[in-house]
Amino acid sequence: MTGTDLPVMSARAFAGPLLVTVAYVVVYYLMIAHQVAVKTRLRRAYRARGETFDRYFGGDREMLAADRVVGNMLEHMPAFLILLWLNAVFVGPRGAALAGGAYVLSRLVYPLIMGRRLGKGVPSRIMFTTVLGYAVLMYFVVRLIGAVVDSGAPAG
């Protein structure tokens, strides 16, 4: 390592948020891999039946479920990662890691709770993971606001 390659922060001090971030990225790519596998399998099944697989407008319920899982992950990715790291740096890495771990777990079980096929409506049981995810994001926001208020920092 040269003098310009020295870390600014201690990896050991931020091990929790670092591992949560890595776990989150792994879960994301597992969901992408599942989406590709579903698309590939359905394309072959449709072809074997002599039908055309229309990935976006065909309305296949299994493809819809796989797409929804990835879409849900992407919808909240920026907010989660930003709030996780703002909390780790400005409030503390331990609380950020614990809450972040709960969030990653909620994303991991989302496809299991949703099910393999999605119909006209989203199953009400999915609210468990949705509420848990929103609760973690709100926890991060409240902790950040508390950190600003406690520090006596001027608003604006």
Protein backbone atom coordinates (compact mmCIF):
# COMPACT_ATOMS: atom_id res chain seq x y z
CA MET A 1 0.00 0.00 0.00
CA THR A 2 1.33 3.41 -0.91
CA GLY A 3 0.74 6.54 1.14
CA THR A 4 -2.20 7.49 -1.06
CA ASP A 5 -3.86 4.09 -0.58
CA LEU A 6 -4.32 4.38 3.18
CA PRO A 7 -7.91 3.83 4.28
CA VAL A 8 -9.71 6.87 5.60
CA MET A 9 -11.85 4.83 7.99
CA SER A 10 -11.22 1.62 9.87
CA ALA A 11 -12.71 -1.45 8.20
CA ARG A 12 -12.80 -3.13 11.60
CA ALA A 13 -14.84 -0.29 13.14
CA PHE A 14 -17.31 -0.47 10.24
CA ALA A 15 -17.28 -4.25 9.79
CA GLY A 16 -21.02 -4.54 10.50
CA PRO A 17 -22.21 -2.05 7.87
CA LEU A 18 -19.60 -3.36 5.42
CA LEU A 19 -20.88 -6.92 5.81
CA VAL A 20 -24.50 -5.77 5.59
CA THR A 21 -23.67 -3.96 2.34
CA VAL A 22 -21.96 -7.03 0.90
CA ALA A 23 -24.89 -9.25 1.96
CA TYR A 24 -27.32 -6.82 0.34
CA VAL A 25 -25.42 -6.87 -2.94
CA VAL A 26 -25.26 -10.69 -2.85
CA VAL A 27 -29.04 -10.90 -2.28
CA TYR A 28 -29.58 -8.46 -5.15
CA TYR A 29 -27.55 -10.57 -7.56
CA LEU A 30 -29.27 -13.75 -6.38
CA MET A 31 -32.57 -12.13 -7.30
CA ILE A 32 -31.22 -11.12 -10.71
CA ALA A 33 -29.97 -14.68 -11.27
CA HIS A 34 -33.40 -16.04 -10.34
CA GLN A 35 -35.06 -13.60 -12.73
CA VAL A 36 -32.79 -14.72 -15.59
CA ALA A 37 -33.37 -18.39 -14.75
CA VAL A 38 -37.15 -17.93 -14.78
CA LYS A 39 -37.00 -16.05 -18.08
CA THR A 40 -34.80 -18.73 -19.67
CA ARG A 41 -36.96 -21.60 -18.43
CA LEU A 42 -40.19 -19.94 -19.54
CA ARG A 43 -38.78 -19.11 -22.96
CA ARG A 44 -37.93 -22.80 -23.47
CA ALA A 45 -41.31 -23.97 -22.16
CA TYR A 46 -43.20 -21.59 -24.45
CA ARG A 47 -41.05 -22.61 -27.42
CA ALA A 48 -41.72 -26.32 -26.68
CA ARG A 49 -45.46 -25.58 -26.79
CA GLY A 50 -45.07 -23.67 -30.06
CA GLU A 51 -45.94 -20.36 -28.40
CA THR A 52 -44.12 -17.05 -28.34
CA PHE A 53 -42.81 -15.89 -24.98
CA ASP A 54 -43.46 -12.17 -24.61
CA ARG A 55 -41.28 -11.24 -21.70
CA TYR A 56 -42.83 -7.85 -20.98
CA PHE A 57 -46.41 -7.96 -22.19
CA GLY A 58 -47.26 -11.67 -22.10
CA GLY A 59 -48.61 -11.51 -18.57
CA ASP A 60 -46.93 -14.71 -17.43
CA ARG A 61 -47.58 -14.81 -13.68
CA GLU A 62 -44.28 -16.48 -12.83
CA MET A 63 -42.27 -13.93 -14.81
CA LEU A 64 -44.27 -11.17 -13.19
CA ALA A 65 -43.35 -12.46 -9.71
CA ALA A 66 -39.63 -12.69 -10.61
CA ASP A 67 -39.70 -9.17 -12.05
CA ARG A 68 -41.54 -7.80 -9.01
CA VAL A 69 -38.92 -9.23 -6.64
CA VAL A 70 -36.11 -7.47 -8.53
CA GLY A 71 -38.15 -4.29 -8.92
CA ASN A 72 -38.90 -4.13 -5.21
CA MET A 73 -35.22 -4.53 -4.39
CA LEU A 74 -34.27 -1.75 -6.79
CA GLU A 75 -37.01 0.64 -5.61
CA HIS A 76 -35.50 0.96 -2.17
CA MET A 77 -31.82 0.29 -2.85
CA PRO A 78 -30.64 3.94 -2.99
CA ALA A 79 -32.52 4.97 0.15
CA PHE A 80 -31.40 1.91 2.09
CA LEU A 81 -27.71 2.15 1.21
CA ILE A 82 -27.53 5.91 1.75
CA LEU A 83 -29.36 5.77 5.09
CA LEU A 84 -27.34 2.73 6.23
CA TRP A 85 -24.03 4.50 5.66
CA LEU A 86 -25.15 7.89 6.97
CA ASN A 87 -26.17 6.09 10.15
CA ALA A 88 -22.94 4.11 10.33
CA VAL A 89 -20.83 7.26 10.02
CA PHE A 90 -22.85 9.86 11.91
CA VAL A 91 -24.75 7.82 14.50
CA GLY A 92 -22.84 4.58 14.96
CA PRO A 93 -21.98 1.42 13.06
CA ARG A 94 -23.50 -1.06 15.54
CA GLY A 95 -27.10 0.18 15.31
CA ALA A 96 -26.73 0.64 11.58
CA ALA A 97 -25.51 -2.94 11.18
CA LEU A 98 -28.31 -4.44 13.29
CA ALA A 99 -31.07 -2.52 11.53
CA GLY A 100 -29.40 -3.08 8.16
CA GLY A 101 -29.24 -6.80 8.84
CA ALA A 102 -32.97 -6.84 9.56
CA TYR A 103 -33.56 -4.99 6.29
CA VAL A 104 -31.46 -7.47 4.30
CA LEU A 105 -33.37 -10.31 5.92
CA SER A 106 -36.67 -8.69 4.90
CA ARG A 107 -35.46 -8.53 1.29
CA LEU A 108 -34.24 -12.12 1.43
CA VAL A 109 -37.61 -13.49 2.56
CA TYR A 110 -39.64 -11.25 0.22
CA PRO A 111 -39.63 -13.73 -2.69
CA LEU A 112 -40.42 -16.62 -0.35
CA ILE A 113 -43.43 -14.82 1.05
CA MET A 114 -44.57 -13.50 -2.33
CA GLY A 115 -44.64 -16.92 -3.90
CA ARG A 116 -43.63 -18.27 -7.27
CA ARG A 117 -46.52 -16.76 -9.21
CA LEU A 118 -48.15 -13.37 -8.91
CA GLY A 119 -51.82 -12.88 -9.73
CA LYS A 120 -53.85 -9.75 -10.18
CA GLY A 121 -53.07 -8.48 -6.71
CA VAL A 122 -50.13 -8.56 -4.37
CA PRO A 123 -50.62 -11.12 -1.57
CA SER A 124 -51.46 -9.44 1.74
CA ARG A 125 -48.82 -11.59 3.48
CA ILE A 126 -46.16 -9.53 1.69
CA MET A 127 -47.00 -6.67 4.06
CA PHE A 128 -44.78 -8.32 6.71
CA THR A 129 -41.61 -7.69 4.73
CA THR A 130 -42.83 -4.35 3.40
CA VAL A 131 -43.60 -2.98 6.86
CA LEU A 132 -40.31 -4.30 8.25
CA GLY A 133 -38.39 -2.63 5.41
CA TYR A 134 -40.14 0.71 5.89
CA ALA A 135 -39.67 0.50 9.66
CA VAL A 136 -35.91 0.10 9.23
CA LEU A 137 -35.75 3.05 6.83
CA MET A 138 -37.76 5.21 9.25
CA TYR A 139 -35.53 4.09 12.13
CA PHE A 140 -32.52 5.29 10.16
CA VAL A 141 -34.18 8.65 9.46
CA VAL A 142 -35.17 9.17 13.10
CA ARG A 143 -31.65 8.30 14.30
CA LEU A 144 -30.12 10.77 11.86
CA ILE A 145 -32.47 13.55 12.88
CA GLY A 146 -31.72 12.75 16.52
CA ALA A 147 -27.99 12.94 15.84
CA VAL A 148 -28.37 16.38 14.28
CA VAL A 149 -30.57 17.64 17.12
CA ASP A 150 -28.26 16.22 19.79
CA SER A 151 -25.19 17.75 18.16
CA GLY A 152 -26.72 21.20 18.23
CA ALA A 153 -25.95 21.62 14.55
CA PRO A 154 -27.70 24.53 12.88
CA ALA A 155 -30.49 23.56 10.49
CA GLY A 156 -29.64 24.53 6.95
